[in-house]
mmCIF file of all heavy atoms, coordinates in Angstrom:
data_MODEL
# 
_entry.id   MODEL 
# 
loop_
_atom_site.group_PDB 
_atom_site.id 
_atom_site.type_symbol 
_atom_site.label_atom_id 
_atom_site.label_alt_id 
_atom_site.label_comp_id 
_atom_site.label_asym_id 
_atom_site.label_entity_id 
_atom_site.label_seq_id 
_atom_site.pdbx_PDB_ins_code 
_atom_site.Cartn_x 
_atom_site.Cartn_y 
_atom_site.Cartn_z 
_atom_site.occupancy 
_atom_site.B_iso_or_equiv 
_atom_site.pdbx_formal_charge 
_atom_site.auth_seq_id 
_atom_site.auth_comp_id 
_atom_site.auth_asym_id 
_atom_site.auth_atom_id 
_atom_site.pdbx_PDB_model_num 
ATOM 1   N N   . ASP A 1 1  ? 16.205  -61.191 33.386 1.00 0.00 ? 1  ASP A N   1 
ATOM 2   C CA  . ASP A 1 1  ? 17.615  -61.352 33.997 1.00 0.00 ? 1  ASP A CA  1 
ATOM 3   C C   . ASP A 1 1  ? 17.582  -62.078 35.300 1.00 0.00 ? 1  ASP A C   1 
ATOM 4   O O   . ASP A 1 1  ? 18.489  -61.915 36.082 1.00 0.00 ? 1  ASP A O   1 
ATOM 5   C CB  . ASP A 1 1  ? 18.216  -59.965 34.167 1.00 0.00 ? 1  ASP A CB  1 
ATOM 6   C CG  . ASP A 1 1  ? 17.448  -59.096 35.129 1.00 0.00 ? 1  ASP A CG  1 
ATOM 7   O OD1 . ASP A 1 1  ? 16.343  -59.427 35.486 1.00 0.00 ? 1  ASP A OD1 1 
ATOM 8   O OD2 . ASP A 1 1  ? 17.930  -57.941 35.467 1.00 0.00 ? 1  ASP A OD2 1 
ATOM 9   N N   . ARG A 1 2  ? 16.554  -62.908 35.554 1.00 0.00 ? 2  ARG A N   1 
ATOM 10  C CA  . ARG A 1 2  ? 16.434  -63.665 36.808 1.00 0.00 ? 2  ARG A CA  1 
ATOM 11  C C   . ARG A 1 2  ? 16.003  -65.103 36.506 1.00 0.00 ? 2  ARG A C   1 
ATOM 12  O O   . ARG A 1 2  ? 15.693  -65.476 35.501 1.00 0.00 ? 2  ARG A O   1 
ATOM 13  C CB  . ARG A 1 2  ? 15.407  -62.956 37.743 1.00 0.00 ? 2  ARG A CB  1 
ATOM 14  C CG  . ARG A 1 2  ? 15.778  -61.594 38.319 1.00 0.00 ? 2  ARG A CG  1 
ATOM 15  C CD  . ARG A 1 2  ? 17.032  -61.905 39.279 1.00 0.00 ? 2  ARG A CD  1 
ATOM 16  N NE  . ARG A 1 2  ? 17.500  -60.597 39.894 1.00 0.00 ? 2  ARG A NE  1 
ATOM 17  C CZ  . ARG A 1 2  ? 18.420  -59.776 39.520 1.00 0.00 ? 2  ARG A CZ  1 
ATOM 18  N NH1 . ARG A 1 2  ? 19.052  -60.096 38.417 1.00 0.00 ? 2  ARG A NH1 1 
ATOM 19  N NH2 . ARG A 1 2  ? 18.838  -58.696 40.211 1.00 0.00 ? 2  ARG A NH2 1 
ATOM 20  N N   . TYR A 1 3  ? 16.080  -65.849 37.536 1.00 0.00 ? 3  TYR A N   1 
ATOM 21  C CA  . TYR A 1 3  ? 15.579  -67.231 37.624 1.00 0.00 ? 3  TYR A CA  1 
ATOM 22  C C   . TYR A 1 3  ? 14.522  -67.352 38.674 1.00 0.00 ? 3  TYR A C   1 
ATOM 23  O O   . TYR A 1 3  ? 14.395  -66.548 39.603 1.00 0.00 ? 3  TYR A O   1 
ATOM 24  C CB  . TYR A 1 3  ? 16.725  -68.255 37.936 1.00 0.00 ? 3  TYR A CB  1 
ATOM 25  C CG  . TYR A 1 3  ? 17.781  -68.344 36.913 1.00 0.00 ? 3  TYR A CG  1 
ATOM 26  C CD1 . TYR A 1 3  ? 18.975  -67.590 36.952 1.00 0.00 ? 3  TYR A CD1 1 
ATOM 27  C CD2 . TYR A 1 3  ? 17.760  -69.173 35.765 1.00 0.00 ? 3  TYR A CD2 1 
ATOM 28  C CE1 . TYR A 1 3  ? 20.009  -67.632 36.108 1.00 0.00 ? 3  TYR A CE1 1 
ATOM 29  C CE2 . TYR A 1 3  ? 18.719  -69.225 34.897 1.00 0.00 ? 3  TYR A CE2 1 
ATOM 30  C CZ  . TYR A 1 3  ? 19.802  -68.437 34.930 1.00 0.00 ? 3  TYR A CZ  1 
ATOM 31  O OH  . TYR A 1 3  ? 20.892  -68.477 34.116 1.00 0.00 ? 3  TYR A OH  1 
ATOM 32  N N   . LEU A 1 4  ? 13.718  -68.362 38.607 1.00 0.00 ? 4  LEU A N   1 
ATOM 33  C CA  . LEU A 1 4  ? 12.597  -68.611 39.500 1.00 0.00 ? 4  LEU A CA  1 
ATOM 34  C C   . LEU A 1 4  ? 12.965  -69.902 40.346 1.00 0.00 ? 4  LEU A C   1 
ATOM 35  O O   . LEU A 1 4  ? 13.076  -71.008 39.657 1.00 0.00 ? 4  LEU A O   1 
ATOM 36  C CB  . LEU A 1 4  ? 11.290  -68.755 38.855 1.00 0.00 ? 4  LEU A CB  1 
ATOM 37  C CG  . LEU A 1 4  ? 10.127  -68.990 39.782 1.00 0.00 ? 4  LEU A CG  1 
ATOM 38  C CD1 . LEU A 1 4  ? 9.884   -67.789 40.686 1.00 0.00 ? 4  LEU A CD1 1 
ATOM 39  C CD2 . LEU A 1 4  ? 8.899   -69.322 39.114 1.00 0.00 ? 4  LEU A CD2 1 
ATOM 40  N N   . MET A 1 5  ? 13.214  -69.864 41.659 1.00 0.00 ? 5  MET A N   1 
ATOM 41  C CA  . MET A 1 5  ? 13.332  -71.040 42.441 1.00 0.00 ? 5  MET A CA  1 
ATOM 42  C C   . MET A 1 5  ? 11.899  -71.481 42.754 1.00 0.00 ? 5  MET A C   1 
ATOM 43  O O   . MET A 1 5  ? 11.036  -70.876 43.230 1.00 0.00 ? 5  MET A O   1 
ATOM 44  C CB  . MET A 1 5  ? 14.023  -70.650 43.689 1.00 0.00 ? 5  MET A CB  1 
ATOM 45  C CG  . MET A 1 5  ? 14.196  -71.861 44.761 1.00 0.00 ? 5  MET A CG  1 
ATOM 46  S SD  . MET A 1 5  ? 13.946  -71.382 46.442 1.00 0.00 ? 5  MET A SD  1 
ATOM 47  C CE  . MET A 1 5  ? 12.214  -70.998 46.457 1.00 0.00 ? 5  MET A CE  1 
ATOM 48  N N   . THR A 1 6  ? 11.699  -72.765 42.492 1.00 0.00 ? 6  THR A N   1 
ATOM 49  C CA  . THR A 1 6  ? 10.478  -73.429 42.854 1.00 0.00 ? 6  THR A CA  1 
ATOM 50  C C   . THR A 1 6  ? 10.708  -74.651 43.645 1.00 0.00 ? 6  THR A C   1 
ATOM 51  O O   . THR A 1 6  ? 11.421  -75.596 43.205 1.00 0.00 ? 6  THR A O   1 
ATOM 52  C CB  . THR A 1 6  ? 9.647   -73.734 41.549 1.00 0.00 ? 6  THR A CB  1 
ATOM 53  O OG1 . THR A 1 6  ? 9.475   -72.611 40.814 1.00 0.00 ? 6  THR A OG1 1 
ATOM 54  C CG2 . THR A 1 6  ? 8.197   -74.275 41.979 1.00 0.00 ? 6  THR A CG2 1 
ATOM 55  N N   . ALA A 1 7  ? 9.973   -74.831 44.737 1.00 0.00 ? 7  ALA A N   1 
ATOM 56  C CA  . ALA A 1 7  ? 10.117  -75.939 45.629 1.00 0.00 ? 7  ALA A CA  1 
ATOM 57  C C   . ALA A 1 7  ? 8.710   -76.529 45.694 1.00 0.00 ? 7  ALA A C   1 
ATOM 58  O O   . ALA A 1 7  ? 7.759   -75.813 46.328 1.00 0.00 ? 7  ALA A O   1 
ATOM 59  C CB  . ALA A 1 7  ? 10.643  -75.664 47.024 1.00 0.00 ? 7  ALA A CB  1 
ATOM 60  N N   . LEU A 1 8  ? 8.392   -77.659 45.200 1.00 0.00 ? 8  LEU A N   1 
ATOM 61  C CA  . LEU A 1 8  ? 7.073   -78.215 45.001 1.00 0.00 ? 8  LEU A CA  1 
ATOM 62  C C   . LEU A 1 8  ? 6.769   -79.242 45.953 1.00 0.00 ? 8  LEU A C   1 
ATOM 63  O O   . LEU A 1 8  ? 7.423   -80.220 46.227 1.00 0.00 ? 8  LEU A O   1 
ATOM 64  C CB  . LEU A 1 8  ? 6.802   -78.825 43.560 1.00 0.00 ? 8  LEU A CB  1 
ATOM 65  C CG  . LEU A 1 8  ? 5.574   -79.301 43.206 1.00 0.00 ? 8  LEU A CG  1 
ATOM 66  C CD1 . LEU A 1 8  ? 4.479   -78.250 43.113 1.00 0.00 ? 8  LEU A CD1 1 
ATOM 67  C CD2 . LEU A 1 8  ? 5.670   -80.222 41.820 1.00 0.00 ? 8  LEU A CD2 1 
ATOM 68  N N   . GLN A 1 9  ? 5.465   -79.088 46.644 1.00 0.00 ? 9  GLN A N   1 
ATOM 69  C CA  . GLN A 1 9  ? 4.894   -80.050 47.505 1.00 0.00 ? 9  GLN A CA  1 
ATOM 70  C C   . GLN A 1 9  ? 3.821   -80.708 46.680 1.00 0.00 ? 9  GLN A C   1 
ATOM 71  O O   . GLN A 1 9  ? 2.927   -80.089 46.182 1.00 0.00 ? 9  GLN A O   1 
ATOM 72  C CB  . GLN A 1 9  ? 4.384   -79.345 48.756 1.00 0.00 ? 9  GLN A CB  1 
ATOM 73  C CG  . GLN A 1 9  ? 3.823   -80.347 49.773 1.00 0.00 ? 9  GLN A CG  1 
ATOM 74  C CD  . GLN A 1 9  ? 3.526   -79.507 51.145 1.00 0.00 ? 9  GLN A CD  1 
ATOM 75  O OE1 . GLN A 1 9  ? 4.373   -78.779 51.533 1.00 0.00 ? 9  GLN A OE1 1 
ATOM 76  N NE2 . GLN A 1 9  ? 2.329   -79.804 51.702 1.00 0.00 ? 9  GLN A NE2 1 
ATOM 77  N N   . ALA A 1 10 ? 3.829   -82.056 46.648 1.00 0.00 ? 10 ALA A N   1 
ATOM 78  C CA  . ALA A 1 10 ? 3.012   -82.779 45.683 1.00 0.00 ? 10 ALA A CA  1 
ATOM 79  C C   . ALA A 1 10 ? 1.461   -82.581 45.975 1.00 0.00 ? 10 ALA A C   1 
ATOM 80  O O   . ALA A 1 10 ? 0.694   -82.401 44.966 1.00 0.00 ? 10 ALA A O   1 
ATOM 81  C CB  . ALA A 1 10 ? 3.382   -84.240 45.642 1.00 0.00 ? 10 ALA A CB  1 
ATOM 82  N N   . THR A 1 11 ? 1.170   -82.613 47.185 1.00 0.00 ? 11 THR A N   1 
ATOM 83  C CA  . THR A 1 11 ? -0.403  -82.520 47.587 1.00 0.00 ? 11 THR A CA  1 
ATOM 84  C C   . THR A 1 11 ? -0.493  -81.570 48.768 1.00 0.00 ? 11 THR A C   1 
ATOM 85  O O   . THR A 1 11 ? 0.049   -81.726 49.736 1.00 0.00 ? 11 THR A O   1 
ATOM 86  C CB  . THR A 1 11 ? -1.017  -83.898 47.793 1.00 0.00 ? 11 THR A CB  1 
ATOM 87  O OG1 . THR A 1 11 ? -0.170  -84.582 48.890 1.00 0.00 ? 11 THR A OG1 1 
ATOM 88  C CG2 . THR A 1 11 ? -1.119  -84.745 46.648 1.00 0.00 ? 11 THR A CG2 1 
ATOM 89  N N   . ALA A 1 12 ? -1.475  -80.577 48.586 1.00 0.00 ? 12 ALA A N   1 
ATOM 90  C CA  . ALA A 1 12 ? -1.783  -79.630 49.702 1.00 0.00 ? 12 ALA A CA  1 
ATOM 91  C C   . ALA A 1 12 ? -3.321  -79.685 49.824 1.00 0.00 ? 12 ALA A C   1 
ATOM 92  O O   . ALA A 1 12 ? -3.915  -80.385 50.565 1.00 0.00 ? 12 ALA A O   1 
ATOM 93  C CB  . ALA A 1 12 ? -1.234  -78.388 49.339 1.00 0.00 ? 12 ALA A CB  1 
ATOM 94  N N   . GLY A 1 13 ? -3.946  -78.863 49.077 1.00 0.00 ? 13 GLY A N   1 
ATOM 95  C CA  . GLY A 1 13 ? -5.402  -78.858 48.991 1.00 0.00 ? 13 GLY A CA  1 
ATOM 96  C C   . GLY A 1 13 ? -6.016  -80.164 48.617 1.00 0.00 ? 13 GLY A C   1 
ATOM 97  O O   . GLY A 1 13 ? -7.176  -80.500 49.035 1.00 0.00 ? 13 GLY A O   1 
ATOM 98  N N   . ALA A 1 14 ? -5.235  -81.067 47.916 1.00 0.00 ? 14 ALA A N   1 
ATOM 99  C CA  . ALA A 1 14 ? -5.754  -82.394 47.555 1.00 0.00 ? 14 ALA A CA  1 
ATOM 100 C C   . ALA A 1 14 ? -6.117  -83.182 48.721 1.00 0.00 ? 14 ALA A C   1 
ATOM 101 O O   . ALA A 1 14 ? -6.958  -84.031 48.773 1.00 0.00 ? 14 ALA A O   1 
ATOM 102 C CB  . ALA A 1 14 ? -4.750  -83.080 46.667 1.00 0.00 ? 14 ALA A CB  1 
ATOM 103 N N   . ASN A 1 15 ? -5.371  -82.966 49.792 1.00 0.00 ? 15 ASN A N   1 
ATOM 104 C CA  . ASN A 1 15 ? -5.790  -83.604 51.130 1.00 0.00 ? 15 ASN A CA  1 
ATOM 105 C C   . ASN A 1 15 ? -7.089  -83.213 51.624 1.00 0.00 ? 15 ASN A C   1 
ATOM 106 O O   . ASN A 1 15 ? -7.846  -84.100 52.066 1.00 0.00 ? 15 ASN A O   1 
ATOM 107 C CB  . ASN A 1 15 ? -4.762  -83.368 52.179 1.00 0.00 ? 15 ASN A CB  1 
ATOM 108 C CG  . ASN A 1 15 ? -3.369  -83.915 51.865 1.00 0.00 ? 15 ASN A CG  1 
ATOM 109 O OD1 . ASN A 1 15 ? -3.120  -85.054 52.152 1.00 0.00 ? 15 ASN A OD1 1 
ATOM 110 N ND2 . ASN A 1 15 ? -2.423  -83.094 51.192 1.00 0.00 ? 15 ASN A ND2 1 
ATOM 111 N N   . LEU A 1 16 ? -7.519  -81.943 51.422 1.00 0.00 ? 16 LEU A N   1 
ATOM 112 C CA  . LEU A 1 16 ? -8.856  -81.604 51.890 1.00 0.00 ? 16 LEU A CA  1 
ATOM 113 C C   . LEU A 1 16 ? -9.897  -82.160 50.981 1.00 0.00 ? 16 LEU A C   1 
ATOM 114 O O   . LEU A 1 16 ? -10.998 -82.527 51.375 1.00 0.00 ? 16 LEU A O   1 
ATOM 115 C CB  . LEU A 1 16 ? -8.964  -80.100 51.950 1.00 0.00 ? 16 LEU A CB  1 
ATOM 116 C CG  . LEU A 1 16 ? -8.094  -79.320 53.058 1.00 0.00 ? 16 LEU A CG  1 
ATOM 117 C CD1 . LEU A 1 16 ? -8.291  -77.871 52.963 1.00 0.00 ? 16 LEU A CD1 1 
ATOM 118 C CD2 . LEU A 1 16 ? -8.348  -79.913 54.390 1.00 0.00 ? 16 LEU A CD2 1 
ATOM 119 N N   . THR A 1 17 ? -9.679  -82.114 49.685 1.00 0.00 ? 17 THR A N   1 
ATOM 120 C CA  . THR A 1 17 ? -10.543 -82.691 48.632 1.00 0.00 ? 17 THR A CA  1 
ATOM 121 C C   . THR A 1 17 ? -10.803 -84.170 49.009 1.00 0.00 ? 17 THR A C   1 
ATOM 122 O O   . THR A 1 17 ? -11.835 -84.689 48.920 1.00 0.00 ? 17 THR A O   1 
ATOM 123 C CB  . THR A 1 17 ? -9.986  -82.556 47.245 1.00 0.00 ? 17 THR A CB  1 
ATOM 124 O OG1 . THR A 1 17 ? -9.799  -81.149 47.069 1.00 0.00 ? 17 THR A OG1 1 
ATOM 125 C CG2 . THR A 1 17 ? -10.963 -83.124 46.218 1.00 0.00 ? 17 THR A CG2 1 
ATOM 126 N N   . TRP A 1 18 ? -9.699  -84.873 49.220 1.00 0.00 ? 18 TRP A N   1 
ATOM 127 C CA  . TRP A 1 18 ? -9.847  -86.326 49.657 1.00 0.00 ? 18 TRP A CA  1 
ATOM 128 C C   . TRP A 1 18 ? -10.641 -86.410 50.919 1.00 0.00 ? 18 TRP A C   1 
ATOM 129 O O   . TRP A 1 18 ? -11.568 -87.347 50.999 1.00 0.00 ? 18 TRP A O   1 
ATOM 130 C CB  . TRP A 1 18 ? -8.390  -86.853 49.918 1.00 0.00 ? 18 TRP A CB  1 
ATOM 131 C CG  . TRP A 1 18 ? -8.417  -88.255 50.611 1.00 0.00 ? 18 TRP A CG  1 
ATOM 132 C CD1 . TRP A 1 18 ? -8.661  -89.453 50.037 1.00 0.00 ? 18 TRP A CD1 1 
ATOM 133 C CD2 . TRP A 1 18 ? -8.221  -88.386 51.998 1.00 0.00 ? 18 TRP A CD2 1 
ATOM 134 N NE1 . TRP A 1 18 ? -8.584  -90.449 50.997 1.00 0.00 ? 18 TRP A NE1 1 
ATOM 135 C CE2 . TRP A 1 18 ? -8.400  -89.875 52.167 1.00 0.00 ? 18 TRP A CE2 1 
ATOM 136 C CE3 . TRP A 1 18 ? -7.961  -87.629 53.103 1.00 0.00 ? 18 TRP A CE3 1 
ATOM 137 C CZ2 . TRP A 1 18 ? -8.193  -90.408 53.446 1.00 0.00 ? 18 TRP A CZ2 1 
ATOM 138 C CZ3 . TRP A 1 18 ? -7.754  -88.177 54.357 1.00 0.00 ? 18 TRP A CZ3 1 
ATOM 139 C CH2 . TRP A 1 18 ? -7.942  -89.716 54.618 1.00 0.00 ? 18 TRP A CH2 1 
ATOM 140 N N   . LEU A 1 19 ? -10.377 -85.640 51.899 1.00 0.00 ? 19 LEU A N   1 
ATOM 141 C CA  . LEU A 1 19 ? -11.147 -85.695 53.177 1.00 0.00 ? 19 LEU A CA  1 
ATOM 142 C C   . LEU A 1 19 ? -12.644 -85.429 52.824 1.00 0.00 ? 19 LEU A C   1 
ATOM 143 O O   . LEU A 1 19 ? -13.546 -86.169 53.386 1.00 0.00 ? 19 LEU A O   1 
ATOM 144 C CB  . LEU A 1 19 ? -10.557 -84.715 54.188 1.00 0.00 ? 19 LEU A CB  1 
ATOM 145 C CG  . LEU A 1 19 ? -11.107 -84.845 55.619 1.00 0.00 ? 19 LEU A CG  1 
ATOM 146 C CD1 . LEU A 1 19 ? -10.582 -86.079 56.275 1.00 0.00 ? 19 LEU A CD1 1 
ATOM 147 C CD2 . LEU A 1 19 ? -10.767 -83.541 56.369 1.00 0.00 ? 19 LEU A CD2 1 
ATOM 148 N N   . ARG A 1 20 ? -12.894 -84.493 51.987 1.00 0.00 ? 20 ARG A N   1 
ATOM 149 C CA  . ARG A 1 20 ? -14.322 -84.107 51.767 1.00 0.00 ? 20 ARG A CA  1 
ATOM 150 C C   . ARG A 1 20 ? -15.007 -85.165 50.981 1.00 0.00 ? 20 ARG A C   1 
ATOM 151 O O   . ARG A 1 20 ? -16.133 -85.651 51.259 1.00 0.00 ? 20 ARG A O   1 
ATOM 152 C CB  . ARG A 1 20 ? -14.368 -82.780 50.985 1.00 0.00 ? 20 ARG A CB  1 
ATOM 153 C CG  . ARG A 1 20 ? -15.760 -82.305 50.581 1.00 0.00 ? 20 ARG A CG  1 
ATOM 154 C CD  . ARG A 1 20 ? -15.634 -81.161 49.543 1.00 0.00 ? 20 ARG A CD  1 
ATOM 155 N NE  . ARG A 1 20 ? -15.141 -81.685 48.275 1.00 0.00 ? 20 ARG A NE  1 
ATOM 156 C CZ  . ARG A 1 20 ? -14.741 -80.871 47.333 1.00 0.00 ? 20 ARG A CZ  1 
ATOM 157 N NH1 . ARG A 1 20 ? -14.855 -79.575 47.506 1.00 0.00 ? 20 ARG A NH1 1 
ATOM 158 N NH2 . ARG A 1 20 ? -14.248 -81.325 46.242 1.00 0.00 ? 20 ARG A NH2 1 
ATOM 159 N N   . ASP A 1 21 ? -14.420 -85.668 49.944 1.00 0.00 ? 21 ASP A N   1 
ATOM 160 C CA  . ASP A 1 21 ? -15.025 -86.522 48.964 1.00 0.00 ? 21 ASP A CA  1 
ATOM 161 C C   . ASP A 1 21 ? -14.966 -88.031 49.388 1.00 0.00 ? 21 ASP A C   1 
ATOM 162 O O   . ASP A 1 21 ? -15.852 -88.810 49.046 1.00 0.00 ? 21 ASP A O   1 
ATOM 163 C CB  . ASP A 1 21 ? -14.372 -86.529 47.639 1.00 0.00 ? 21 ASP A CB  1 
ATOM 164 C CG  . ASP A 1 21 ? -14.542 -85.127 47.030 1.00 0.00 ? 21 ASP A CG  1 
ATOM 165 O OD1 . ASP A 1 21 ? -15.393 -84.408 47.502 1.00 0.00 ? 21 ASP A OD1 1 
ATOM 166 O OD2 . ASP A 1 21 ? -13.818 -84.819 45.893 1.00 0.00 ? 21 ASP A OD2 1 
ATOM 167 N N   . LYS A 1 22 ? -14.004 -88.444 50.182 1.00 0.00 ? 22 LYS A N   1 
ATOM 168 C CA  . LYS A 1 22 ? -13.871 -89.835 50.613 1.00 0.00 ? 22 LYS A CA  1 
ATOM 169 C C   . LYS A 1 22 ? -14.156 -90.198 52.011 1.00 0.00 ? 22 LYS A C   1 
ATOM 170 O O   . LYS A 1 22 ? -14.321 -91.295 52.303 1.00 0.00 ? 22 LYS A O   1 
ATOM 171 C CB  . LYS A 1 22 ? -12.391 -90.285 50.285 1.00 0.00 ? 22 LYS A CB  1 
ATOM 172 C CG  . LYS A 1 22 ? -11.860 -90.165 48.816 1.00 0.00 ? 22 LYS A CG  1 
ATOM 173 C CD  . LYS A 1 22 ? -12.654 -90.954 47.843 1.00 0.00 ? 22 LYS A CD  1 
ATOM 174 C CE  . LYS A 1 22 ? -12.234 -90.776 46.457 1.00 0.00 ? 22 LYS A CE  1 
ATOM 175 N NZ  . LYS A 1 22 ? -10.867 -91.118 46.178 1.00 0.00 ? 22 LYS A NZ  1 
ATOM 176 N N   . ILE A 1 23 ? -14.238 -89.167 52.827 1.00 0.00 ? 23 ILE A N   1 
ATOM 177 C CA  . ILE A 1 23 ? -14.429 -89.327 54.218 1.00 0.00 ? 23 ILE A CA  1 
ATOM 178 C C   . ILE A 1 23 ? -15.754 -88.783 54.759 1.00 0.00 ? 23 ILE A C   1 
ATOM 179 O O   . ILE A 1 23 ? -16.542 -89.407 55.323 1.00 0.00 ? 23 ILE A O   1 
ATOM 180 C CB  . ILE A 1 23 ? -13.310 -88.841 55.078 1.00 0.00 ? 23 ILE A CB  1 
ATOM 181 C CG1 . ILE A 1 23 ? -11.964 -89.459 54.696 1.00 0.00 ? 23 ILE A CG1 1 
ATOM 182 C CG2 . ILE A 1 23 ? -13.592 -89.145 56.657 1.00 0.00 ? 23 ILE A CG2 1 
ATOM 183 C CD1 . ILE A 1 23 ? -11.849 -90.934 54.865 1.00 0.00 ? 23 ILE A CD1 1 
ATOM 184 N N   . VAL A 1 24 ? -15.949 -87.539 54.364 1.00 0.00 ? 24 VAL A N   1 
ATOM 185 C CA  . VAL A 1 24 ? -17.283 -86.780 54.839 1.00 0.00 ? 24 VAL A CA  1 
ATOM 186 C C   . VAL A 1 24 ? -18.320 -87.344 53.925 1.00 0.00 ? 24 VAL A C   1 
ATOM 187 O O   . VAL A 1 24 ? -18.209 -87.286 52.696 1.00 0.00 ? 24 VAL A O   1 
ATOM 188 C CB  . VAL A 1 24 ? -17.099 -85.320 54.724 1.00 0.00 ? 24 VAL A CB  1 
ATOM 189 C CG1 . VAL A 1 24 ? -18.445 -84.554 55.020 1.00 0.00 ? 24 VAL A CG1 1 
ATOM 190 C CG2 . VAL A 1 24 ? -16.020 -84.747 55.509 1.00 0.00 ? 24 VAL A CG2 1 
ATOM 191 N N   . GLU A 1 25 ? -19.457 -87.809 54.489 1.00 0.00 ? 25 GLU A N   1 
ATOM 192 C CA  . GLU A 1 25 ? -20.519 -88.335 53.681 1.00 0.00 ? 25 GLU A CA  1 
ATOM 193 C C   . GLU A 1 25 ? -21.378 -87.209 53.069 1.00 0.00 ? 25 GLU A C   1 
ATOM 194 O O   . GLU A 1 25 ? -21.419 -86.085 53.586 1.00 0.00 ? 25 GLU A O   1 
ATOM 195 C CB  . GLU A 1 25 ? -21.468 -89.222 54.611 1.00 0.00 ? 25 GLU A CB  1 
ATOM 196 C CG  . GLU A 1 25 ? -20.822 -90.340 55.201 1.00 0.00 ? 25 GLU A CG  1 
ATOM 197 C CD  . GLU A 1 25 ? -20.497 -91.428 54.277 1.00 0.00 ? 25 GLU A CD  1 
ATOM 198 O OE1 . GLU A 1 25 ? -21.010 -91.508 53.158 1.00 0.00 ? 25 GLU A OE1 1 
ATOM 199 O OE2 . GLU A 1 25 ? -19.476 -92.257 54.542 1.00 0.00 ? 25 GLU A OE2 1 
ATOM 200 N N   . TYR A 1 26 ? -21.927 -87.571 51.938 1.00 0.00 ? 26 TYR A N   1 
ATOM 201 C CA  . TYR A 1 26 ? -22.666 -86.534 51.166 1.00 0.00 ? 26 TYR A CA  1 
ATOM 202 C C   . TYR A 1 26 ? -23.894 -86.054 51.875 1.00 0.00 ? 26 TYR A C   1 
ATOM 203 O O   . TYR A 1 26 ? -24.460 -84.922 51.434 1.00 0.00 ? 26 TYR A O   1 
ATOM 204 C CB  . TYR A 1 26 ? -22.922 -86.959 49.754 1.00 0.00 ? 26 TYR A CB  1 
ATOM 205 C CG  . TYR A 1 26 ? -21.678 -87.072 48.884 1.00 0.00 ? 26 TYR A CG  1 
ATOM 206 C CD1 . TYR A 1 26 ? -21.204 -88.324 48.467 1.00 0.00 ? 26 TYR A CD1 1 
ATOM 207 C CD2 . TYR A 1 26 ? -21.000 -85.912 48.591 1.00 0.00 ? 26 TYR A CD2 1 
ATOM 208 C CE1 . TYR A 1 26 ? -20.008 -88.329 47.691 1.00 0.00 ? 26 TYR A CE1 1 
ATOM 209 C CE2 . TYR A 1 26 ? -19.871 -85.918 47.771 1.00 0.00 ? 26 TYR A CE2 1 
ATOM 210 C CZ  . TYR A 1 26 ? -19.387 -87.109 47.375 1.00 0.00 ? 26 TYR A CZ  1 
ATOM 211 O OH  . TYR A 1 26 ? -18.168 -87.195 46.684 1.00 0.00 ? 26 TYR A OH  1 
# 
């Protein structure tokens, strides 16, 4: 008997993955 409000942000943790994989050297 309810609805779900969802407000989506496209990238969150993906920014950390990008920083780790593309900026921080292995």
